[in-house]
C-alpha atoms as a PDB file:
ATOM      1  CA  MET A   1     112.073 129.342  63.897  1.00  0.00           C
ATOM      2  CA  GLU A   2     108.725 128.086  62.279  1.00  0.00           C
ATOM      3  CA  GLN A   3     106.653 124.905  63.453  1.00  0.00           C
ATOM      4  CA  ALA A   4     106.447 122.478  60.862  1.00  0.00           C
ATOM      5  CA  ILE A   5     103.508 121.724  59.482  1.00  0.00           C
ATOM      6  CA  PHE A   6     102.467 118.037  58.390  1.00  0.00           C
ATOM      7  CA  ASP A   7      99.497 116.805  56.250  1.00  0.00           C
ATOM      8  CA  THR A   8      98.335 113.070  58.298  1.00  0.00           C
ATOM      9  CA  LEU A   9      96.161 110.976  56.240  1.00  0.00           C
ATOM     10  CA  GLN A  10      94.348 108.162  57.582  1.00  0.00           C
ATOM     11  CA  VAL A  11      93.213 105.137  55.028  1.00  0.00           C
ATOM     12  CA  GLU A  12      90.738 102.052  56.230  1.00  0.00           C
ATOM     13  CA  VAL A  13      90.669  99.244  53.902  1.00  0.00           C
ATOM     14  CA  THR A  14      88.017  96.884  53.656  1.00  0.00           C
ATOM     15  CA  GLY A  15      87.855  93.587  52.779  1.00  0.00           C
ATOM     16  CA  LYS A  16      85.593  89.948  52.857  1.00  0.00           C
ATOM     17  CA  THR A  17      85.860  86.928  52.294  1.00  0.00           C
ATOM     18  CA  LYS A  18      82.578  84.092  52.533  1.00  0.00           C
ATOM     19  CA  GLU A  19      82.073  84.252  56.122  1.00  0.00           C
ATOM     20  CA  HIS A  20      84.050  87.384  57.483  1.00  0.00           C
ATOM     21  CA  GLU A  21      84.281  91.060  56.523  1.00  0.00           C
ATOM     22  CA  TYR A  22      87.494  93.219  57.828  1.00  0.00           C
ATOM     23  CA  LEU A  23      88.457  96.255  58.203  1.00  0.00           C
ATOM     24  CA  MET A  24      92.662  97.304  57.843  1.00  0.00           C
ATOM     25  CA  ARG A  25      93.379 100.855  58.790  1.00  0.00           C
ATOM     26  CA  ALA A  26      96.935 102.739  58.444  1.00  0.00           C
ATOM     27  CA  SER A  27      97.778 106.073  59.594  1.00  0.00           C
ATOM     28  CA  GLY A  28     100.292 108.128  58.168  1.00  0.00           C
ATOM     29  CA  SER A  29     101.401 112.071  57.324  1.00  0.00           C
ATOM     30  CA  ALA A  30     103.265 113.910  55.028  1.00  0.00           C
ATOM     31  CA  VAL A  31     105.292 117.105  55.166  1.00  0.00           C
ATOM     32  CA  LYS A  32     103.749 120.090  54.037  1.00  0.00           C
ATOM     33  CA  PHE A  33     105.813 122.698  55.530  1.00  0.00           C
ATOM     34  CA  PRO A  34     109.329 121.903  57.214  1.00  0.00           C
ATOM     35  CA  GLY A  35     109.963 124.599  59.597  1.00  0.00           C
ATOM     36  CA  PHE A  36     112.816 124.212  61.633  1.00  0.00           C
ATOM     37  CA  LEU A  37     113.414 120.780  60.655  1.00  0.00           C
ATOM     38  CA  VAL A  38     115.335 122.257  57.329  1.00  0.00           C
ATOM     39  CA  VAL A  39     118.375 122.407  60.036  1.00  0.00           C
ATOM     40  CA  TYR A  40     117.406 120.481  62.623  1.00  0.00           C
ATOM     41  CA  GLU A  41     115.830 116.619  62.644  1.00  0.00           C
ATOM     42  CA  GLU A  42     116.849 114.007  65.231  1.00  0.00           C
ATOM     43  CA  ALA A  43     118.907 111.118  63.986  1.00  0.00           C
ATOM     44  CA  LYS A  44     117.329 107.805  63.691  1.00  0.00           C
ATOM     45  CA  ASN A  45     119.335 104.497  63.802  1.00  0.00           C
ATOM     46  CA  GLU A  46     117.407 102.776  60.594  1.00  0.00           C
ATOM     47  CA  ASP A  47     118.620  99.293  62.190  1.00  0.00           C
ATOM     48  CA  VAL A  48     116.518  99.833  65.172  1.00  0.00           C
ATOM     49  CA  LYS A  49     112.878  99.689  64.875  1.00  0.00           C
ATOM     50  CA  SER A  50     110.594 102.706  66.680  1.00  0.00           C
ATOM     51  CA  GLU A  51     107.579 101.620  68.554  1.00  0.00           C
ATOM     52  CA  ASP A  52     105.573 104.502  66.581  1.00  0.00           C
ATOM     53  CA  ASP A  53     107.124 102.580  63.446  1.00  0.00           C
ATOM     54  CA  GLU A  54     103.630 101.235  62.644  1.00  0.00           C
ATOM     55  CA  GLU A  55     101.671 104.180  63.209  1.00  0.00           C
ATOM     56  CA  ASN A  56     103.796 106.308  60.912  1.00  0.00           C
ATOM     57  CA  VAL A  57     104.188 104.845  58.173  1.00  0.00           C
ATOM     58  CA  LYS A  58     104.354 106.588  54.681  1.00  0.00           C
ATOM     59  CA  ILE A  59     101.131 106.221  52.636  1.00  0.00           C
ATOM     60  CA  PRO A  60     101.259 106.601  48.818  1.00  0.00           C
ATOM     61  CA  VAL A  61     100.405 109.879  46.959  1.00  0.00           C
ATOM     62  CA  GLY A  62      97.902 110.006  45.081  1.00  0.00           C
ATOM     63  CA  ILE A  63      95.606 107.265  46.891  1.00  0.00           C
ATOM     64  CA  ALA A  64      92.030 107.786  45.904  1.00  0.00           C
ATOM     65  CA  GLU A  65      88.546 106.975  47.547  1.00  0.00           C
ATOM     66  CA  GLY A  66      87.360 103.906  46.447  1.00  0.00           C
ATOM     67  CA  GLN A  67      90.330 102.658  45.116  1.00  0.00           C
ATOM     68  CA  GLN A  68      91.070  98.726  44.382  1.00  0.00           C
ATOM     69  CA  GLN A  69      93.592  98.042  46.541  1.00  0.00           C
ATOM     70  CA  ASP A  70      95.900  94.751  45.791  1.00  0.00           C
ATOM     71  CA  LEU A  71      96.511  91.783  48.622  1.00  0.00           C
ATOM     72  CA  VAL A  72     100.190  91.590  48.696  1.00  0.00           C
ATOM     73  CA  ARG A  73     100.312  89.633  51.627  1.00  0.00           C
ATOM     74  CA  LEU A  74      98.777  88.112  55.063  1.00  0.00           C
ATOM     75  CA  ILE A  75     101.110  88.666  57.880  1.00  0.00           C
ATOM     76  CA  PRO A  76      99.588  86.361  60.681  1.00  0.00           C
ATOM     77  CA  GLU A  77     100.914  88.406  63.802  1.00  0.00           C
ATOM     78  CA  GLN A  78      98.498  89.071  66.686  1.00  0.00           C
ATOM     79  CA  HIS A  79      99.607  91.738  69.276  1.00  0.00           C
ATOM     80  CA  PHE A  80      97.735  92.436  72.517  1.00  0.00           C
ATOM     81  CA  THR A  81      96.893  95.780  74.263  1.00  0.00           C
ATOM     82  CA  GLN A  82      99.370  96.268  77.416  1.00  0.00           C
ATOM     83  CA  PRO A  83      98.203  97.537  80.217  1.00  0.00           C
ATOM     84  CA  PRO A  84     100.283 100.464  81.787  1.00  0.00           C
ATOM     85  CA  PRO A  85     103.394 100.410  83.873  1.00  0.00           C
ATOM     86  CA  ARG A  86     102.936 100.284  87.523  1.00  0.00           C
ATOM     87  CA  PHE A  87     103.818 103.597  89.120  1.00  0.00           C
ATOM     88  CA  SER A  88     106.866 104.081  90.390  1.00  0.00           C
ATOM     89  CA  GLU A  89     107.572 106.443  93.136  1.00  0.00           C
ATOM     90  CA  ALA A  90     108.536 109.203  90.487  1.00  0.00           C
ATOM     91  CA  SER A  91     105.926 108.448  87.852  1.00  0.00           C
ATOM     92  CA  LEU A  92     103.043 108.861  90.564  1.00  0.00           C
ATOM     93  CA  VAL A  93     104.507 112.203  91.766  1.00  0.00           C
ATOM     94  CA  GLN A  94     104.277 113.232  88.267  1.00  0.00           C
ATOM     95  CA  ALA A  95     100.269 111.843  88.124  1.00  0.00           C
ATOM     96  CA  LEU A  96      99.580 114.041  91.134  1.00  0.00           C
ATOM     97  CA  GLU A  97     101.217 117.151  89.695  1.00  0.00           C
ATOM     98  CA  GLU A  98      99.271 116.586  86.115  1.00  0.00           C
ATOM     99  CA  ASN A  99      95.976 115.598  87.958  1.00  0.00           C
ATOM    100  CA  GLY A 100      96.774 118.837  90.146  1.00  0.00           C
ATOM    101  CA  ILE A 101      96.392 116.630  93.807  1.00  0.00           C
ATOM    102  CA  GLY A 102      98.578 117.944  96.729  1.00  0.00           C
ATOM    103  CA  ARG A 103     101.128 120.386  96.784  1.00  0.00           C
ATOM    104  CA  PRO A 104     105.057 119.150  96.542  1.00  0.00           C
ATOM    105  CA  SER A 105     105.456 119.212 100.524  1.00  0.00           C
ATOM    106  CA  THR A 106     102.701 116.663 100.751  1.00  0.00           C
ATOM    107  CA  TYR A 107     104.084 114.002  97.943  1.00  0.00           C
ATOM    108  CA  ALA A 108     106.435 112.438 100.164  1.00  0.00           C
ATOM    109  CA  PRO A 109     104.555 112.174 102.995  1.00  0.00           C
ATOM    110  CA  THR A 110     101.741 110.615 100.767  1.00  0.00           C
ATOM    111  CA  ILE A 111     104.008 107.753  99.096  1.00  0.00           C
ATOM    112  CA  SER A 112     105.089 106.839 102.663  1.00  0.00           C
ATOM    113  CA  THR A 113     101.860 106.455 103.957  1.00  0.00           C
ATOM    114  CA  ILE A 114     100.547 104.380 101.781  1.00  0.00           C
ATOM    115  CA  GLN A 115     103.475 102.064 101.714  1.00  0.00           C
ATOM    116  CA  GLN A 116     103.955 101.967 105.999  1.00  0.00           C
ATOM    117  CA  ARG A 117     100.075 100.895 106.003  1.00  0.00           C
ATOM    118  CA  GLY A 118     100.371  98.590 103.581  1.00  0.00           C
ATOM    119  CA  TYR A 119      98.013  99.281 100.499  1.00  0.00           C
ATOM    120  CA  VAL A 120     100.829  99.203  98.340  1.00  0.00           C
ATOM    121  CA  GLU A 121     104.422  97.671  98.059  1.00  0.00           C
ATOM    122  CA  ARG A 122     107.511  98.662  96.696  1.00  0.00           C
ATOM    123  CA  VAL A 123     108.695  95.831  94.237  1.00  0.00           C
ATOM    124  CA  ASP A 124     111.690  96.373  91.898  1.00  0.00           C
ATOM    125  CA  LYS A 125     110.753 100.268  91.927  1.00  0.00           C
ATOM    126  CA  ARG A 126     107.126 100.027  91.746  1.00  0.00           C
ATOM    127  CA  LEU A 127     104.968 100.161  93.688  1.00  0.00           C
ATOM    128  CA  ILE A 128     102.207  96.742  93.821  1.00  0.00           C
ATOM    129  CA  PRO A 129      99.137  97.542  95.665  1.00  0.00           C
ATOM    130  CA  THR A 130      98.187  94.721  98.242  1.00  0.00           C
ATOM    131  CA  ASP A 131      95.638  92.288  98.697  1.00  0.00           C
ATOM    132  CA  THR A 132      94.149  94.918 101.537  1.00  0.00           C
ATOM    133  CA  GLY A 133      95.061  98.167  98.998  1.00  0.00           C
ATOM    134  CA  LEU A 134      92.963  96.644  96.552  1.00  0.00           C
ATOM    135  CA  GLN A 135      89.785  95.638  99.136  1.00  0.00           C
ATOM    136  CA  VAL A 136      90.397  99.151 100.370  1.00  0.00           C
ATOM    137  CA  ASN A 137      90.010 100.871  96.981  1.00  0.00           C
ATOM    138  CA  ASP A 138      87.010  99.068  95.672  1.00  0.00           C
ATOM    139  CA  LEU A 139      85.488  99.946  98.927  1.00  0.00           C
ATOM    140  CA  MET A 140      85.732 103.624  98.539  1.00  0.00           C
ATOM    141  CA  VAL A 141      84.910 103.527  94.999  1.00  0.00           C
ATOM    142  CA  GLU A 142      81.480 102.100  95.757  1.00  0.00           C
ATOM    143  CA  TYR A 143      81.057 104.574  99.142  1.00  0.00           C
ATOM    144  CA  PHE A 144      82.882 107.466  98.601  1.00  0.00           C
ATOM    145  CA  PRO A 145      83.196 108.099  94.830  1.00  0.00           C
ATOM    146  CA  GLU A 146      83.183 111.576  94.799  1.00  0.00           C
ATOM    147  CA  VAL A 147      86.275 111.695  97.615  1.00  0.00           C
ATOM    148  CA  VAL A 148      88.470 109.417  95.406  1.00  0.00           C
ATOM    149  CA  ASP A 149      88.060 111.363  92.497  1.00  0.00           C
ATOM    150  CA  PHE A 150      90.625 112.928  90.494  1.00  0.00           C
ATOM    151  CA  ASN A 151      88.839 116.243  90.398  1.00  0.00           C
ATOM    152  CA  PHE A 152      87.635 116.348  94.410  1.00  0.00           C
ATOM    153  CA  THR A 153      91.571 117.457  95.902  1.00  0.00           C
ATOM    154  CA  ALA A 154      91.914 119.920  92.853  1.00  0.00           C
ATOM    155  CA  HIS A 155      89.184 121.313  93.685  1.00  0.00           C
ATOM    156  CA  MET A 156      89.611 121.514  97.478  1.00  0.00           C
ATOM    157  CA  GLU A 157      93.123 122.544  96.942  1.00  0.00           C
ATOM    158  CA  GLU A 158      91.073 125.727  94.972  1.00  0.00           C
ATOM    159  CA  ASP A 159      88.917 126.270  97.843  1.00  0.00           C
ATOM    160  CA  LEU A 160      91.263 126.677 100.263  1.00  0.00           C
ATOM    161  CA  ASP A 161      93.383 129.042  97.656  1.00  0.00           C
ATOM    162  CA  GLN A 162      90.409 130.827  97.992  1.00  0.00           C
ATOM    163  CA  VAL A 163      89.995 130.990 101.707  1.00  0.00           C
ATOM    164  CA  ALA A 164      94.140 131.660 102.082  1.00  0.00           C
ATOM    165  CA  SER A 165      93.238 135.007  99.711  1.00  0.00           C
ATOM    166  CA  GLY A 166      89.978 136.105 101.824  1.00  0.00           C
ATOM    167  CA  GLU A 167      87.546 135.296  98.703  1.00  0.00           C
ATOM    168  CA  MET A 168      85.978 132.129 100.403  1.00  0.00           C
ATOM    169  CA  LEU A 169      84.481 131.649 104.263  1.00  0.00           C
ATOM    170  CA  TRP A 170      85.998 128.638 105.457  1.00  0.00           C
ATOM    171  CA  THR A 171      82.903 127.876 106.686  1.00  0.00           C
ATOM    172  CA  ASP A 172      81.416 127.872 103.215  1.00  0.00           C
ATOM    173  CA  ALA A 173      83.931 125.765 102.235  1.00  0.00           C
ATOM    174  CA  ILE A 174      83.487 123.011 104.862  1.00  0.00           C
ATOM    175  CA  ARG A 175      79.778 123.158 104.306  1.00  0.00           C
ATOM    176  CA  GLU A 176      80.000 121.792 100.943  1.00  0.00           C
ATOM    177  CA  PHE A 177      82.175 119.482 101.448  1.00  0.00           C
ATOM    178  CA  TYR A 178      80.460 118.013 104.580  1.00  0.00           C
ATOM    179  CA  THR A 179      77.540 118.127 103.747  1.00  0.00           C
ATOM    180  CA  PRO A 180      77.078 114.822 101.164  1.00  0.00           C
ATOM    181  CA  PHE A 181      80.207 113.389 102.942  1.00  0.00           C
ATOM    182  CA  ALA A 182      78.008 112.963 106.073  1.00  0.00           C
ATOM    183  CA  GLU A 183      75.361 111.243 103.801  1.00  0.00           C
ATOM    184  CA  ASP A 184      77.937 108.933 102.744  1.00  0.00           C
ATOM    185  CA  VAL A 185      79.222 108.161 105.675  1.00  0.00           C
ATOM    186  CA  LYS A 186      75.827 106.689 106.825  1.00  0.00           C
ATOM    187  CA  LYS A 187      75.456 104.983 104.098  1.00  0.00           C
ATOM    188  CA  ALA A 188      78.511 103.363 104.297  1.00  0.00           C
ATOM    189  CA  GLN A 189      77.991 102.366 108.050  1.00  0.00           C
ATOM    190  CA  ALA A 190      74.532 100.949 106.839  1.00  0.00           C
ATOM    191  CA  GLU A 191      75.513  98.716 103.569  1.00  0.00           C
ATOM    192  CA  MET A 192      79.216  98.294 103.986  1.00  0.00           C
ATOM    193  CA  PRO A 193      80.228  94.837 104.008  1.00  0.00           C
ATOM    194  CA  VAL A 194      82.721  93.990 106.964  1.00  0.00           C
ATOM    195  CA  THR A 195      85.857  92.190 104.926  1.00  0.00           C
ATOM    196  CA  LYS A 196      88.049  91.315 107.850  1.00  0.00           C
ATOM    197  CA  SER A 197      90.457  88.514 106.816  1.00  0.00           C
ATOM    198  CA  GLY A 198      90.475  85.228 109.498  1.00  0.00           C
ATOM    199  CA  PRO A 199      94.321  84.285 110.211  1.00  0.00           C
ATOM    200  CA  GLU A 200      95.840  82.254 108.352  1.00  0.00           C
ATOM    201  CA  PRO A 201      97.847  79.343 110.227  1.00  0.00           C
ATOM    202  CA  ILE A 202     101.416  78.466 108.817  1.00  0.00           C
ATOM    203  CA  GLY A 203     101.830  75.117 110.686  1.00  0.00           C
ATOM    204  CA  ARG A 204     104.194  75.869 113.374  1.00  0.00           C
ATOM    205  CA  ALA A 205     103.808  76.071 116.901  1.00  0.00           C
ATOM    206  CA  CYS A 206     103.838  79.249 119.829  1.00  0.00           C
ATOM    207  CA  PRO A 207     106.830  78.950 121.274  1.00  0.00           C
ATOM    208  CA  THR A 208     105.256  80.715 124.679  1.00  0.00           C
ATOM    209  CA  CYS A 209     102.150  78.450 124.795  1.00  0.00           C
ATOM    210  CA  THR A 210     102.493  75.610 122.027  1.00  0.00           C
ATOM    211  CA  LYS A 211      99.222  77.178 119.945  1.00  0.00           C
ATOM    212  CA  GLU A 212      98.944  77.302 116.654  1.00  0.00           C
ATOM    213  CA  LEU A 213     100.696  80.167 114.650  1.00  0.00           C
ATOM    214  CA  VAL A 214      98.514  82.554 112.373  1.00  0.00           C
ATOM    215  CA  ILE A 215      99.297  85.163 109.990  1.00  0.00           C
ATOM    216  CA  ARG A 216      97.681  88.474 110.594  1.00  0.00           C
ATOM    217  CA  TYR A 217      97.329  91.896 109.383  1.00  0.00           C
ATOM    218  CA  GLY A 218      97.999  94.774 111.045  1.00  0.00           C
ATOM    219  CA  ARG A 219      97.974  98.406 110.159  1.00  0.00           C
ATOM    220  CA  PHE A 220     102.205  97.884 108.750  1.00  0.00           C
ATOM    221  CA  GLY A 221     101.263  94.626 107.032  1.00  0.00           C
ATOM    222  CA  LYS A 222     101.369  90.747 107.672  1.00  0.00           C
ATOM    223  CA  PHE A 223     102.999  89.783 110.615  1.00  0.00           C
ATOM    224  CA  ILE A 224     102.805  86.193 112.864  1.00  0.00           C
ATOM    225  CA  SER A 225     101.169  86.243 116.639  1.00  0.00           C
ATOM    226  CA  CYS A 226      99.712  83.313 118.850  1.00  0.00           C
ATOM    227  CA  SER A 227      96.294  82.098 117.904  1.00  0.00           C
ATOM    228  CA  GLY A 228      95.585  82.520 121.834  1.00  0.00           C
ATOM    229  CA  PHE A 229      95.510  85.954 121.524  1.00  0.00           C
ATOM    230  CA  PRO A 230      94.847  88.387 123.245  1.00  0.00           C
ATOM    231  CA  ASP A 231      95.560  85.763 125.906  1.00  0.00           C
ATOM    232  CA  CYS A 232      99.275  85.389 124.618  1.00  0.00           C
ATOM    233  CA  ARG A 233     100.681  87.922 122.999  1.00  0.00           C
ATOM    234  CA  TYR A 234     103.779  86.461 121.373  1.00  0.00           C
ATOM    235  CA  THR A 235     104.774  88.239 117.685  1.00  0.00           C
ATOM    236  CA  GLU A 236     107.120  88.136 115.419  1.00  0.00           C
ATOM    237  CA  PRO A 237     107.498  89.964 111.672  1.00  0.00           C
ATOM    238  CA  TRP A 238     106.386  88.444 109.022  1.00  0.00           C
ATOM    239  CA  LEU A 239     109.487  87.198 106.706  1.00  0.00           C
ATOM    240  CA  LEU A 240     109.435  86.361 103.058  1.00  0.00           C
ATOM    241  CA  LYS A 241     112.126  83.304 102.154  1.00  0.00           C
ATOM    242  CA  ILE A 242     113.446  84.290  98.629  1.00  0.00           C
ATOM    243  CA  GLY A 243     114.989  80.242  98.148  1.00  0.00           C
ATOM    244  CA  VAL A 244     118.651  81.302  98.330  1.00  0.00           C
ATOM    245  CA  SER A 245     121.002  80.558 101.378  1.00  0.00           C
ATOM    246  CA  CYS A 246     123.063  82.891 103.838  1.00  0.00           C
ATOM    247  CA  PRO A 247     127.084  82.579 102.148  1.00  0.00           C
ATOM    248  CA  THR A 248     127.902  83.096 105.869  1.00  0.00           C
ATOM    249  CA  ASP A 249     125.842  80.550 107.983  1.00  0.00           C
ATOM    250  CA  GLY A 250     123.805  78.800 105.453  1.00  0.00           C
ATOM    251  CA  GLY A 251     120.552  80.049 107.095  1.00  0.00           C
ATOM    252  CA  ASP A 252     117.447  81.315 104.541  1.00  0.00           C
ATOM    253  CA  LEU A 253     117.999  84.963 103.140  1.00  0.00           C
ATOM    254  CA  VAL A 254     114.995  86.546 103.918  1.00  0.00           C
ATOM    255  CA  GLU A 255     113.486  90.036 102.337  1.00  0.00           C
ATOM    256  CA  ARG A 256     113.631  92.599 105.197  1.00  0.00           C
ATOM    257  CA  LYS A 257     112.340  96.292 105.364  1.00  0.00           C
ATOM    258  CA  THR A 258     114.258  99.328 106.878  1.00  0.00           C
ATOM    259  CA  ARG A 259     112.054 101.650 109.504  1.00  0.00           C
ATOM    260  CA  LYS A 260     111.528 104.196 106.095  1.00  0.00           C
ATOM    261  CA  GLY A 261     110.150 100.789 104.248  1.00  0.00           C
ATOM    262  CA  ARG A 262     113.032 100.257 101.985  1.00  0.00           C
ATOM    263  CA  THR A 263     113.949  96.899 101.133  1.00  0.00           C
ATOM    264  CA  PHE A 264     116.845  94.974 101.476  1.00  0.00           C
ATOM    265  CA  PHE A 265     117.505  90.970 102.343  1.00  0.00           C
ATOM    266  CA  GLY A 266     119.192  89.978 105.350  1.00  0.00           C
ATOM    267  CA  CYS A 267     119.715  86.384 106.827  1.00  0.00           C
ATOM    268  CA  VAL A 268     117.062  84.488 108.939  1.00  0.00           C
ATOM    269  CA  ASN A 269     119.547  84.136 111.814  1.00  0.00           C
ATOM    270  CA  TYR A 270     120.019  87.943 112.555  1.00  0.00           C
ATOM    271  CA  PRO A 271     121.681  89.307 115.183  1.00  0.00           C
ATOM    272  CA  ASN A 272     123.443  86.244 114.821  1.00  0.00           C
ATOM    273  CA  CYS A 273     124.449  86.486 111.163  1.00  0.00           C
ATOM    274  CA  ASP A 274     124.795  90.169 110.289  1.00  0.00           C
ATOM    275  CA  PHE A 275     124.824  89.343 105.960  1.00  0.00           C
ATOM    276  CA  THR A 276     122.701  91.751 104.517  1.00  0.00           C
ATOM    277  CA  SER A 277     122.665  93.352 100.769  1.00  0.00           C
ATOM    278  CA  TRP A 278     120.515  96.146  99.274  1.00  0.00           C
ATOM    279  CA  LYS A 279     120.590  94.025  95.987  1.00  0.00           C
ATOM    280  CA  LYS A 280     117.959  90.603  95.666  1.00  0.00           C
ATOM    281  CA  PRO A 281     120.464  87.856  96.037  1.00  0.00           C
ATOM    282  CA  LEU A 282     120.447  84.784  93.177  1.00  0.00           C
ATOM    283  CA  ALA A 283     120.176  81.195  93.922  1.00  0.00           C
ATOM    284  CA  VAL A 284     122.587  80.919  90.763  1.00  0.00           C
ATOM    285  CA  PRO A 285     126.323  80.975  91.350  1.00  0.00           C
ATOM    286  CA  CYS A 286     128.572  82.705  90.018  1.00  0.00           C
ATOM    287  CA  PRO A 287     130.108  81.062  86.834  1.00  0.00           C
ATOM    288  CA  LYS A 288     133.576  82.514  87.307  1.00  0.00           C
ATOM    289  CA  CYS A 289     134.277  81.652  91.092  1.00  0.00           C
ATOM    290  CA  LYS A 290     130.782  80.348  92.572  1.00  0.00           C
ATOM    291  CA  GLY A 291     130.368  82.918  94.761  1.00  0.00           C
ATOM    292  CA  MET A 292     126.783  84.560  95.159  1.00  0.00           C
ATOM    293  CA  LEU A 293     125.357  86.270  92.557  1.00  0.00           C
ATOM    294  CA  VAL A 294     122.978  89.531  93.115  1.00  0.00           C
ATOM    295  CA  ILE A 295     120.864  91.461  90.631  1.00  0.00           C
ATOM    296  CA  ALA A 296     122.823  94.460  89.567  1.00  0.00           C
ATOM    297  CA  ASN A 297     120.105  96.391  86.979  1.00  0.00           C
ATOM    298  CA  LYS A 298     117.337  95.169  84.944  1.00  0.00           C
ATOM    299  CA  ARG A 299     119.689  93.274  82.661  1.00  0.00           C
ATOM    300  CA  GLU A 300     122.451  92.115  84.509  1.00  0.00           C
ATOM    301  CA  ALA A 301     124.063  90.566  87.828  1.00  0.00           C
ATOM    302  CA  GLN A 302     127.043  90.918  89.615  1.00  0.00           C
ATOM    303  CA  CYS A 303     129.289  88.511  91.887  1.00  0.00           C
ATOM    304  CA  LEU A 304     129.618  89.497  95.488  1.00  0.00           C
ATOM    305  CA  THR A 305     133.585  87.586  95.613  1.00  0.00           C
ATOM    306  CA  CYS A 306     134.754  88.768  92.109  1.00  0.00           C
ATOM    307  CA  SER A 307     133.117  91.618  91.345  1.00  0.00           C
ATOM    308  CA  GLU A 308     132.539  90.140  87.469  1.00  0.00           C
ATOM    309  CA  SER A 309     129.043  91.083  85.836  1.00  0.00           C
ATOM    310  CA  PHE A 310     127.375  89.062  83.469  1.00  0.00           C
ATOM    311  CA  LEU A 311     124.020  89.008  81.569  1.00  0.00           C
ATOM    312  CA  LEU A 312     120.742  88.054  83.280  1.00  0.00           C
ATOM    313  CA  GLU A 313     119.734  85.926  80.260  1.00  0.00           C
ATOM    314  CA  GLU A 314     122.666  84.229  80.377  1.00  0.00           C
ATOM    315  CA  ILE A 315     122.832  83.254  83.768  1.00  0.00           C
ATOM    316  CA  ILE A 316     118.412  82.659  83.958  1.00  0.00           C
ATOM    317  CA  PRO A 317     116.942  82.697  80.944  1.00  0.00           C
ATOM    318  CA  GLU A 318     113.502  82.930  81.774  1.00  0.00           C
ATOM    319  CA  THR A 319     113.810  86.216  83.312  1.00  0.00           C
ATOM    320  CA  VAL A 320     114.174  88.137  80.441  1.00  0.00           C
ATOM    321  CA  GLU A 321     110.578  88.234  77.999  1.00  0.00           C
END
């Protein structure tokens, strides 16, 4: 069937007081030719306001330029621009596809690499940049802007396709990239600041040599080691406590990661205590049986003992904005 055709209209209304001038804007549309809408239109729940309702308002018929308007009421509400949501693994792959970066075979290695090297952390299915990731990004943007540009990888993919089809010599493709890149490397070596972070003490003595233990940053993120390194090579993993006691032995529950980077929660006394949970435990006990609650999804918590489900806003009101 034919596409529907709409007439769109944007109305700007100016107003002034003794001190200020104001500009108010509204956009709307009217059906000029219904097309397929004659037989098909998505059902809308009148009780639920869409996010686009304010943009798709109905503009009065017959409105003319220069027409005087009557002030009906003032609504003292302030709206703030919300930042775009953090990437999930799925939305990051979608962004890579839209910008022509990489191939399907490179998406999974890309996502795993940025997590393994500590550039991002996966929190509630979202990829959150770490301090290391932000620092590396700022330096790359400043000293290698062409390499981190969206079009760089897409252009390189096109060149590689031409090399594979015999339309371009591989030496020409390499020369096109390497000549400006070598200049950027020389400039970075001469001007890029050294931003190595110092170790952070944790207030605990090394069990091997009694010197102070500190937090260091390695290729795979934070870890704890002795301040006497390299004379003392004692290390232990960095464990983030979540403020919940283990239901088995009462020890602190900490956030851990599998070898593939998946987050889970376990007892700090492992291997003596083998309690683990893929879902994040809550400090609030179950209202029904006083068992342990875990976050089942964005809105619900579930008890590990009685399997009852509860709304998060009822258990912890401040978790719901």
